[in-house]
PDB file of all heavy atoms in Angstrom:
ATOM      1  N   LEU A   1     -14.217  47.523 264.252  1.00  0.00           N
ATOM      2  CA  LEU A   1     -15.090  47.481 263.090  1.00  0.00           C
ATOM      3  C   LEU A   1     -14.601  48.390 261.929  1.00  0.00           C
ATOM      4  O   LEU A   1     -15.139  48.463 261.029  1.00  0.00           O
ATOM      5  CB  LEU A   1     -16.490  47.915 263.552  1.00  0.00           C
ATOM      6  CG  LEU A   1     -17.178  47.038 264.457  1.00  0.00           C
ATOM      7  CD1 LEU A   1     -18.619  47.588 264.834  1.00  0.00           C
ATOM      8  CD2 LEU A   1     -17.401  45.557 263.939  1.00  0.00           C
ATOM      9  N   ARG A   2     -13.292  49.055 262.288  1.00  0.00           N
ATOM     10  CA  ARG A   2     -12.747  49.824 261.185  1.00  0.00           C
ATOM     11  C   ARG A   2     -11.775  48.912 260.319  1.00  0.00           C
ATOM     12  O   ARG A   2     -11.747  49.230 259.152  1.00  0.00           O
ATOM     13  CB  ARG A   2     -11.900  50.956 261.789  1.00  0.00           C
ATOM     14  CG  ARG A   2     -12.680  52.012 262.569  1.00  0.00           C
ATOM     15  CD  ARG A   2     -11.650  52.979 263.188  1.00  0.00           C
ATOM     16  NE  ARG A   2     -12.205  54.109 263.803  1.00  0.00           N
ATOM     17  CZ  ARG A   2     -12.589  54.104 265.184  1.00  0.00           C
ATOM     18  NH1 ARG A   2     -12.415  52.888 265.792  1.00  0.00           N
ATOM     19  NH2 ARG A   2     -13.197  55.133 265.699  1.00  0.00           N
ATOM     20  N   THR A   3     -11.262  47.897 260.966  1.00  0.00           N
ATOM     21  CA  THR A   3     -10.429  47.066 260.224  1.00  0.00           C
ATOM     22  C   THR A   3     -10.718  45.617 260.285  1.00  0.00           C
ATOM     23  O   THR A   3     -10.140  44.803 259.571  1.00  0.00           O
ATOM     24  CB  THR A   3      -9.006  47.114 260.936  1.00  0.00           C
ATOM     25  OG1 THR A   3      -9.105  46.708 262.309  1.00  0.00           O
ATOM     26  CG2 THR A   3      -8.514  48.543 261.047  1.00  0.00           C
ATOM     27  N   MET A   4     -11.742  45.175 261.182  1.00  0.00           N
ATOM     28  CA  MET A   4     -12.234  44.027 261.305  1.00  0.00           C
ATOM     29  C   MET A   4     -11.233  42.980 261.920  1.00  0.00           C
ATOM     30  O   MET A   4     -11.128  41.727 261.726  1.00  0.00           O
ATOM     31  CB  MET A   4     -12.835  43.255 259.998  1.00  0.00           C
ATOM     32  CG  MET A   4     -13.936  44.110 259.461  1.00  0.00           C
ATOM     33  SD  MET A   4     -15.135  44.671 260.734  1.00  0.00           S
ATOM     34  CE  MET A   4     -15.899  43.091 261.260  1.00  0.00           C
ATOM     35  N   LYS A   5     -10.231  43.584 262.469  1.00  0.00           N
ATOM     36  CA  LYS A   5      -9.154  42.939 263.408  1.00  0.00           C
ATOM     37  C   LYS A   5      -9.470  42.769 264.757  1.00  0.00           C
ATOM     38  O   LYS A   5     -10.284  43.562 265.356  1.00  0.00           O
ATOM     39  CB  LYS A   5      -7.853  43.477 263.231  1.00  0.00           C
ATOM     40  CG  LYS A   5      -7.302  43.853 261.817  1.00  0.00           C
ATOM     41  CD  LYS A   5      -6.979  42.521 261.112  1.00  0.00           C
ATOM     42  CE  LYS A   5      -6.367  42.876 259.689  1.00  0.00           C
ATOM     43  NZ  LYS A   5      -6.166  41.651 259.085  1.00  0.00           N
ATOM     44  N   ILE A   6      -9.100  41.614 265.357  1.00  0.00           N
ATOM     45  CA  ILE A   6      -9.433  41.298 266.808  1.00  0.00           C
ATOM     46  C   ILE A   6      -8.246  42.025 267.626  1.00  0.00           C
ATOM     47  O   ILE A   6      -7.090  41.789 267.407  1.00  0.00           O
ATOM     48  CB  ILE A   6      -9.350  39.815 267.113  1.00  0.00           C
ATOM     49  CG1 ILE A   6     -10.587  39.238 266.425  1.00  0.00           C
ATOM     50  CG2 ILE A   6      -9.508  39.655 268.606  1.00  0.00           C
ATOM     51  CD1 ILE A   6     -10.571  37.738 266.432  1.00  0.00           C
ATOM     52  N   LEU A   7      -8.726  43.012 268.399  1.00  0.00           N
ATOM     53  CA  LEU A   7      -7.833  43.788 269.318  1.00  0.00           C
ATOM     54  C   LEU A   7      -7.471  43.177 270.599  1.00  0.00           C
ATOM     55  O   LEU A   7      -6.372  43.450 271.048  1.00  0.00           O
ATOM     56  CB  LEU A   7      -8.486  45.141 269.568  1.00  0.00           C
ATOM     57  CG  LEU A   7      -8.858  46.054 268.394  1.00  0.00           C
ATOM     58  CD1 LEU A   7      -9.488  47.241 268.844  1.00  0.00           C
ATOM     59  CD2 LEU A   7      -7.642  46.355 267.435  1.00  0.00           C
ATOM     60  N   GLN A   8      -8.326  42.216 271.027  1.00  0.00           N
ATOM     61  CA  GLN A   8      -8.110  41.736 272.523  1.00  0.00           C
ATOM     62  C   GLN A   8      -9.019  40.424 272.592  1.00  0.00           C
ATOM     63  O   GLN A   8     -10.020  40.333 271.989  1.00  0.00           O
ATOM     64  CB  GLN A   8      -8.601  42.855 273.469  1.00  0.00           C
ATOM     65  CG  GLN A   8      -8.205  42.464 274.915  1.00  0.00           C
ATOM     66  CD  GLN A   8      -8.611  43.662 275.864  1.00  0.00           C
ATOM     67  OE1 GLN A   8      -9.359  44.583 275.356  1.00  0.00           O
ATOM     68  NE2 GLN A   8      -8.195  43.611 277.088  1.00  0.00           N
ATOM     69  N   ALA A   9      -8.473  39.550 273.360  1.00  0.00           N
ATOM     70  CA  ALA A   9      -9.202  38.314 273.631  1.00  0.00           C
ATOM     71  C   ALA A   9      -9.016  38.056 275.145  1.00  0.00           C
ATOM     72  O   ALA A   9      -7.906  38.034 275.729  1.00  0.00           O
ATOM     73  CB  ALA A   9      -8.755  37.028 272.828  1.00  0.00           C
ATOM     74  N   LEU A  10     -10.195  37.847 275.806  1.00  0.00           N
ATOM     75  CA  LEU A  10     -10.217  37.662 277.206  1.00  0.00           C
ATOM     76  C   LEU A  10     -10.933  36.464 277.602  1.00  0.00           C
ATOM     77  O   LEU A  10     -11.981  36.232 277.067  1.00  0.00           O
ATOM     78  CB  LEU A  10     -10.813  38.973 277.966  1.00  0.00           C
ATOM     79  CG  LEU A  10     -10.075  40.264 277.766  1.00  0.00           C
ATOM     80  CD1 LEU A  10     -11.215  41.331 277.858  1.00  0.00           C
ATOM     81  CD2 LEU A  10      -9.158  40.420 279.015  1.00  0.00           C
ATOM     82  N   LYS A  11     -10.544  35.672 278.591  1.00  0.00           N
ATOM     83  CA  LYS A  11     -11.375  34.587 279.129  1.00  0.00           C
ATOM     84  C   LYS A  11     -12.387  35.088 279.984  1.00  0.00           C
ATOM     85  O   LYS A  11     -12.191  36.069 280.767  1.00  0.00           O
ATOM     86  CB  LYS A  11     -10.485  33.678 279.923  1.00  0.00           C
ATOM     87  CG  LYS A  11      -9.521  32.868 279.063  1.00  0.00           C
ATOM     88  CD  LYS A  11     -10.215  31.826 278.202  1.00  0.00           C
ATOM     89  CE  LYS A  11     -10.941  30.812 278.921  1.00  0.00           C
ATOM     90  NZ  LYS A  11     -11.619  29.751 278.083  1.00  0.00           N
ATOM     91  N   VAL A  12     -13.530  34.549 279.953  1.00  0.00           N
ATOM     92  CA  VAL A  12     -14.781  34.849 280.780  1.00  0.00           C
ATOM     93  C   VAL A  12     -15.239  33.567 281.333  1.00  0.00           C
ATOM     94  O   VAL A  12     -14.932  32.483 280.892  1.00  0.00           O
ATOM     95  CB  VAL A  12     -15.895  35.721 279.943  1.00  0.00           C
ATOM     96  CG1 VAL A  12     -15.459  36.982 279.539  1.00  0.00           C
ATOM     97  CG2 VAL A  12     -16.306  34.852 278.704  1.00  0.00           C
ATOM     98  N   PRO A  13     -16.184  33.622 282.293  1.00  0.00           N
ATOM     99  CA  PRO A  13     -16.713  32.273 282.831  1.00  0.00           C
ATOM    100  C   PRO A  13     -17.383  31.487 281.814  1.00  0.00           C
ATOM    101  O   PRO A  13     -17.783  31.931 280.740  1.00  0.00           O
ATOM    102  CB  PRO A  13     -17.753  32.845 283.796  1.00  0.00           C
ATOM    103  CG  PRO A  13     -17.206  34.185 284.269  1.00  0.00           C
ATOM    104  CD  PRO A  13     -16.558  34.734 283.039  1.00  0.00           C
ATOM    105  N   ASP A  14     -17.359  30.177 281.951  1.00  0.00           N
ATOM    106  CA  ASP A  14     -17.810  29.208 280.959  1.00  0.00           C
ATOM    107  C   ASP A  14     -19.335  29.590 280.501  1.00  0.00           C
ATOM    108  O   ASP A  14     -20.164  30.033 281.276  1.00  0.00           O
ATOM    109  CB  ASP A  14     -17.785  27.859 281.492  1.00  0.00           C
ATOM    110  CG  ASP A  14     -16.467  27.313 281.797  1.00  0.00           C
ATOM    111  OD1 ASP A  14     -15.451  27.932 281.138  1.00  0.00           O
ATOM    112  OD2 ASP A  14     -16.309  26.356 282.437  1.00  0.00           O
ATOM    113  N   ASP A  15     -19.456  29.195 279.239  1.00  0.00           N
ATOM    114  CA  ASP A  15     -20.785  29.384 278.477  1.00  0.00           C
ATOM    115  C   ASP A  15     -21.355  30.699 278.649  1.00  0.00           C
ATOM    116  O   ASP A  15     -22.511  31.055 279.018  1.00  0.00           O
ATOM    117  CB  ASP A  15     -21.818  28.388 279.185  1.00  0.00           C
ATOM    118  CG  ASP A  15     -21.403  27.022 278.944  1.00  0.00           C
ATOM    119  OD1 ASP A  15     -20.869  26.639 277.812  1.00  0.00           O
ATOM    120  OD2 ASP A  15     -21.570  26.050 279.878  1.00  0.00           O
ATOM    121  N   PRO A  16     -20.552  31.861 278.117  1.00  0.00           N
ATOM    122  CA  PRO A  16     -21.183  33.124 278.045  1.00  0.00           C
ATOM    123  C   PRO A  16     -22.401  33.194 277.152  1.00  0.00           C
ATOM    124  O   PRO A  16     -22.485  32.564 276.183  1.00  0.00           O
ATOM    125  CB  PRO A  16     -19.973  34.067 277.635  1.00  0.00           C
ATOM    126  CG  PRO A  16     -19.135  33.102 276.710  1.00  0.00           C
ATOM    127  CD  PRO A  16     -19.373  31.697 277.498  1.00  0.00           C
ATOM    128  N   ASP A  17     -23.378  33.958 277.617  1.00  0.00           N
ATOM    129  CA  ASP A  17     -24.659  34.023 276.852  1.00  0.00           C
ATOM    130  C   ASP A  17     -25.058  35.526 276.524  1.00  0.00           C
ATOM    131  O   ASP A  17     -24.930  35.865 275.347  1.00  0.00           O
ATOM    132  CB  ASP A  17     -25.849  33.370 277.759  1.00  0.00           C
ATOM    133  CG  ASP A  17     -26.974  33.105 276.963  1.00  0.00           C
ATOM    134  OD1 ASP A  17     -27.051  33.468 275.662  1.00  0.00           O
ATOM    135  OD2 ASP A  17     -27.989  32.611 277.620  1.00  0.00           O
ATOM    136  N   VAL A  18     -25.436  36.291 277.553  1.00  0.00           N
ATOM    137  CA  VAL A  18     -26.013  37.584 277.205  1.00  0.00           C
ATOM    138  C   VAL A  18     -25.009  38.744 277.630  1.00  0.00           C
ATOM    139  O   VAL A  18     -24.468  38.579 278.647  1.00  0.00           O
ATOM    140  CB  VAL A  18     -27.416  37.873 277.997  1.00  0.00           C
ATOM    141  CG1 VAL A  18     -27.922  39.172 277.609  1.00  0.00           C
ATOM    142  CG2 VAL A  18     -28.340  36.709 277.430  1.00  0.00           C
ATOM    143  N   LEU A  19     -24.929  39.669 276.764  1.00  0.00           N
ATOM    144  CA  LEU A  19     -24.146  40.724 277.085  1.00  0.00           C
ATOM    145  C   LEU A  19     -24.880  42.121 277.188  1.00  0.00           C
ATOM    146  O   LEU A  19     -25.914  42.309 276.494  1.00  0.00           O
ATOM    147  CB  LEU A  19     -22.999  41.061 276.007  1.00  0.00           C
ATOM    148  CG  LEU A  19     -21.923  40.051 275.756  1.00  0.00           C
ATOM    149  CD1 LEU A  19     -22.458  38.863 274.861  1.00  0.00           C
ATOM    150  CD2 LEU A  19     -20.621  40.635 275.244  1.00  0.00           C
ATOM    151  N   ALA A  20     -24.480  43.028 278.007  1.00  0.00           N
ATOM    152  CA  ALA A  20     -25.084  44.326 278.071  1.00  0.00           C
ATOM    153  C   ALA A  20     -24.061  45.418 278.139  1.00  0.00           C
ATOM    154  O   ALA A  20     -23.077  45.308 278.844  1.00  0.00           O
ATOM    155  CB  ALA A  20     -25.864  44.397 279.376  1.00  0.00           C
ATOM    156  N   TRP A  21     -24.385  46.517 277.349  1.00  0.00           N
ATOM    157  CA  TRP A  21     -23.264  47.714 277.305  1.00  0.00           C
ATOM    158  C   TRP A  21     -23.879  48.892 277.754  1.00  0.00           C
ATOM    159  O   TRP A  21     -24.964  49.335 277.361  1.00  0.00           O
ATOM    160  CB  TRP A  21     -22.862  47.713 275.765  1.00  0.00           C
ATOM    161  CG  TRP A  21     -21.997  48.932 275.370  1.00  0.00           C
ATOM    162  CD1 TRP A  21     -22.506  49.877 274.518  1.00  0.00           C
ATOM    163  CD2 TRP A  21     -20.763  49.231 275.770  1.00  0.00           C
ATOM    164  NE1 TRP A  21     -21.477  50.935 274.317  1.00  0.00           N
ATOM    165  CE2 TRP A  21     -20.414  50.566 275.178  1.00  0.00           C
ATOM    166  CE3 TRP A  21     -19.804  48.642 276.631  1.00  0.00           C
ATOM    167  CZ2 TRP A  21     -19.222  51.092 275.310  1.00  0.00           C
ATOM    168  CZ3 TRP A  21     -18.554  49.266 276.857  1.00  0.00           C
ATOM    169  CH2 TRP A  21     -18.238  50.445 276.249  1.00  0.00           C
ATOM    170  N   ASP A  22     -23.159  49.567 278.592  1.00  0.00           N
ATOM    171  CA  ASP A  22     -23.547  50.963 279.175  1.00  0.00           C
ATOM    172  C   ASP A  22     -22.680  51.939 278.469  1.00  0.00           C
ATOM    173  O   ASP A  22     -21.467  52.153 278.817  1.00  0.00           O
ATOM    174  CB  ASP A  22     -23.352  50.963 280.601  1.00  0.00           C
ATOM    175  CG  ASP A  22     -23.887  52.316 281.303  1.00  0.00           C
ATOM    176  OD1 ASP A  22     -23.935  53.280 280.630  1.00  0.00           O
ATOM    177  OD2 ASP A  22     -24.088  52.339 282.570  1.00  0.00           O
ATOM    178  N   PRO A  23     -23.202  52.701 277.405  1.00  0.00           N
ATOM    179  CA  PRO A  23     -22.317  53.470 276.601  1.00  0.00           C
ATOM    180  C   PRO A  23     -21.714  54.638 277.306  1.00  0.00           C
ATOM    181  O   PRO A  23     -20.506  55.050 277.034  1.00  0.00           O
ATOM    182  CB  PRO A  23     -23.148  53.905 275.446  1.00  0.00           C
ATOM    183  CG  PRO A  23     -24.637  53.752 275.994  1.00  0.00           C
ATOM    184  CD  PRO A  23     -24.619  52.611 276.994  1.00  0.00           C
ATOM    185  N   SER A  24     -22.427  55.366 278.214  1.00  0.00           N
ATOM    186  CA  SER A  24     -21.884  56.557 278.859  1.00  0.00           C
ATOM    187  C   SER A  24     -20.841  56.134 279.972  1.00  0.00           C
ATOM    188  O   SER A  24     -19.953  56.971 280.148  1.00  0.00           O
ATOM    189  CB  SER A  24     -22.932  57.374 279.272  1.00  0.00           C
ATOM    190  OG  SER A  24     -23.753  56.793 280.248  1.00  0.00           O
ATOM    191  N   TRP A  25     -21.128  55.096 280.614  1.00  0.00           N
ATOM    192  CA  TRP A  25     -20.203  54.689 281.751  1.00  0.00           C
ATOM    193  C   TRP A  25     -19.104  53.782 281.146  1.00  0.00           C
ATOM    194  O   TRP A  25     -18.166  53.410 281.952  1.00  0.00           O
ATOM    195  CB  TRP A  25     -20.857  54.090 282.863  1.00  0.00           C
ATOM    196  CG  TRP A  25     -21.361  55.179 283.791  1.00  0.00           C
ATOM    197  CD1 TRP A  25     -21.582  56.464 283.466  1.00  0.00           C
ATOM    198  CD2 TRP A  25     -21.676  54.903 285.161  1.00  0.00           C
ATOM    199  NE1 TRP A  25     -22.055  57.112 284.671  1.00  0.00           N
ATOM    200  CE2 TRP A  25     -22.193  56.155 285.746  1.00  0.00           C
ATOM    201  CE3 TRP A  25     -21.858  53.801 285.985  1.00  0.00           C
ATOM    202  CZ2 TRP A  25     -22.595  56.314 287.096  1.00  0.00           C
ATOM    203  CZ3 TRP A  25     -22.194  53.928 287.332  1.00  0.00           C
ATOM    204  CH2 TRP A  25     -22.651  55.231 287.760  1.00  0.00           C
ATOM    205  N   ARG A  26     -19.218  53.400 279.902  1.00  0.00           N
ATOM    206  CA  ARG A  26     -18.123  52.525 279.220  1.00  0.00           C
ATOM    207  C   ARG A  26     -17.985  51.093 279.979  1.00  0.00           C
ATOM    208  O   ARG A  26     -16.991  50.659 280.129  1.00  0.00           O
ATOM    209  CB  ARG A  26     -16.741  53.187 279.122  1.00  0.00           C
ATOM    210  CG  ARG A  26     -16.840  54.707 278.651  1.00  0.00           C
ATOM    211  CD  ARG A  26     -17.456  55.001 277.358  1.00  0.00           C
ATOM    212  NE  ARG A  26     -16.474  54.462 276.337  1.00  0.00           N
ATOM    213  CZ  ARG A  26     -16.891  54.258 275.040  1.00  0.00           C
ATOM    214  NH1 ARG A  26     -18.192  54.347 274.824  1.00  0.00           N
ATOM    215  NH2 ARG A  26     -15.996  53.917 274.141  1.00  0.00           N
ATOM    216  N   ARG A  27     -19.137  50.607 280.389  1.00  0.00           N
ATOM    217  CA  ARG A  27     -19.107  49.338 281.148  1.00  0.00           C
ATOM    218  C   ARG A  27     -19.727  48.200 280.179  1.00  0.00           C
ATOM    219  O   ARG A  27     -20.722  48.451 279.554  1.00  0.00           O
ATOM    220  CB  ARG A  27     -19.903  49.394 282.438  1.00  0.00           C
ATOM    221  CG  ARG A  27     -19.524  50.584 283.364  1.00  0.00           C
ATOM    222  CD  ARG A  27     -18.238  50.391 284.076  1.00  0.00           C
ATOM    223  NE  ARG A  27     -17.882  51.488 284.984  1.00  0.00           N
ATOM    224  CZ  ARG A  27     -18.366  51.439 286.237  1.00  0.00           C
ATOM    225  NH1 ARG A  27     -18.899  50.528 286.840  1.00  0.00           N
ATOM    226  NH2 ARG A  27     -18.119  52.648 287.042  1.00  0.00           N
ATOM    227  N   LEU A  28     -19.120  47.142 280.258  1.00  0.00           N
ATOM    228  CA  LEU A  28     -19.684  45.871 279.662  1.00  0.00           C
ATOM    229  C   LEU A  28     -19.787  44.828 280.655  1.00  0.00           C
ATOM    230  O   LEU A  28     -19.096  44.552 281.519  1.00  0.00           O
ATOM    231  CB  LEU A  28     -18.571  45.414 278.544  1.00  0.00           C
ATOM    232  CG  LEU A  28     -18.919  44.144 277.853  1.00  0.00           C
ATOM    233  CD1 LEU A  28     -20.149  44.392 276.835  1.00  0.00           C
ATOM    234  CD2 LEU A  28     -17.866  43.557 277.102  1.00  0.00           C
ATOM    235  N   TYR A  29     -20.998  44.124 280.548  1.00  0.00           N
ATOM    236  CA  TYR A  29     -21.439  43.136 281.382  1.00  0.00           C
ATOM    237  C   TYR A  29     -21.662  41.868 280.602  1.00  0.00           C
ATOM    238  O   TYR A  29     -22.288  41.789 279.543  1.00  0.00           O
ATOM    239  CB  TYR A  29     -22.598  43.358 282.058  1.00  0.00           C
ATOM    240  CG  TYR A  29     -22.465  44.728 283.037  1.00  0.00           C
ATOM    241  CD1 TYR A  29     -22.981  45.911 282.541  1.00  0.00           C
ATOM    242  CD2 TYR A  29     -21.780  44.749 284.227  1.00  0.00           C
ATOM    243  CE1 TYR A  29     -22.798  47.068 283.259  1.00  0.00           C
ATOM    244  CE2 TYR A  29     -21.647  45.875 284.913  1.00  0.00           C
ATOM    245  CZ  TYR A  29     -22.184  47.074 284.471  1.00  0.00           C
ATOM    246  OH  TYR A  29     -21.989  48.178 285.169  1.00  0.00           O
ATOM    247  N   VAL A  30     -20.977  40.702 281.032  1.00  0.00           N
ATOM    248  CA  VAL A  30     -21.089  39.408 280.379  1.00  0.00           C
ATOM    249  C   VAL A  30     -21.685  38.517 281.413  1.00  0.00           C
ATOM    250  O   VAL A  30     -21.040  38.110 282.289  1.00  0.00           O
ATOM    251  CB  VAL A  30     -19.793  38.972 279.896  1.00  0.00           C
ATOM    252  CG1 VAL A  30     -19.906  37.525 279.160  1.00  0.00           C
ATOM    253  CG2 VAL A  30     -19.140  39.994 278.913  1.00  0.00           C
ATOM    254  N   ALA A  31     -22.856  38.023 281.077  1.00  0.00           N
ATOM    255  CA  ALA A  31     -23.623  37.037 281.929  1.00  0.00           C
ATOM    256  C   ALA A  31     -23.440  35.510 281.264  1.00  0.00           C
ATOM    257  O   ALA A  31     -23.474  35.397 280.144  1.00  0.00           O
ATOM    258  CB  ALA A  31     -25.148  37.301 282.029  1.00  0.00           C
ATOM    259  N   SER A  32     -23.046  34.588 282.211  1.00  0.00           N
ATOM    260  CA  SER A  32     -22.800  33.252 281.739  1.00  0.00           C
ATOM    261  C   SER A  32     -23.719  32.172 282.384  1.00  0.00           C
ATOM    262  O   SER A  32     -24.223  32.288 283.448  1.00  0.00           O
ATOM    263  CB  SER A  32     -21.338  32.936 281.997  1.00  0.00           C
ATOM    264  OG  SER A  32     -20.431  33.803 281.350  1.00  0.00           O
ATOM    265  N   GLU A  33     -23.950  31.229 281.551  1.00  0.00           N
ATOM    266  CA  GLU A  33     -24.710  30.020 281.940  1.00  0.00           C
ATOM    267  C   GLU A  33     -24.225  29.277 283.196  1.00  0.00           C
ATOM    268  O   GLU A  33     -24.831  28.834 284.029  1.00  0.00           O
ATOM    269  CB  GLU A  33     -24.745  28.943 280.771  1.00  0.00           C
ATOM    270  CG  GLU A  33     -25.424  29.485 279.565  1.00  0.00           C
ATOM    271  CD  GLU A  33     -26.975  29.342 279.561  1.00  0.00           C
ATOM    272  OE1 GLU A  33     -27.499  28.897 280.587  1.00  0.00           O
ATOM    273  OE2 GLU A  33     -27.618  29.656 278.519  1.00  0.00           O
TER     274      GLU A  33
END
């Protein structure tokens, strides 16, 4: 968000829907249809 450049692109399971971020443990969860 400093440069609006894409730093990384990763494949996730098909039809990703909801994401959840745990800021202190630096964990990201991606739930998919």
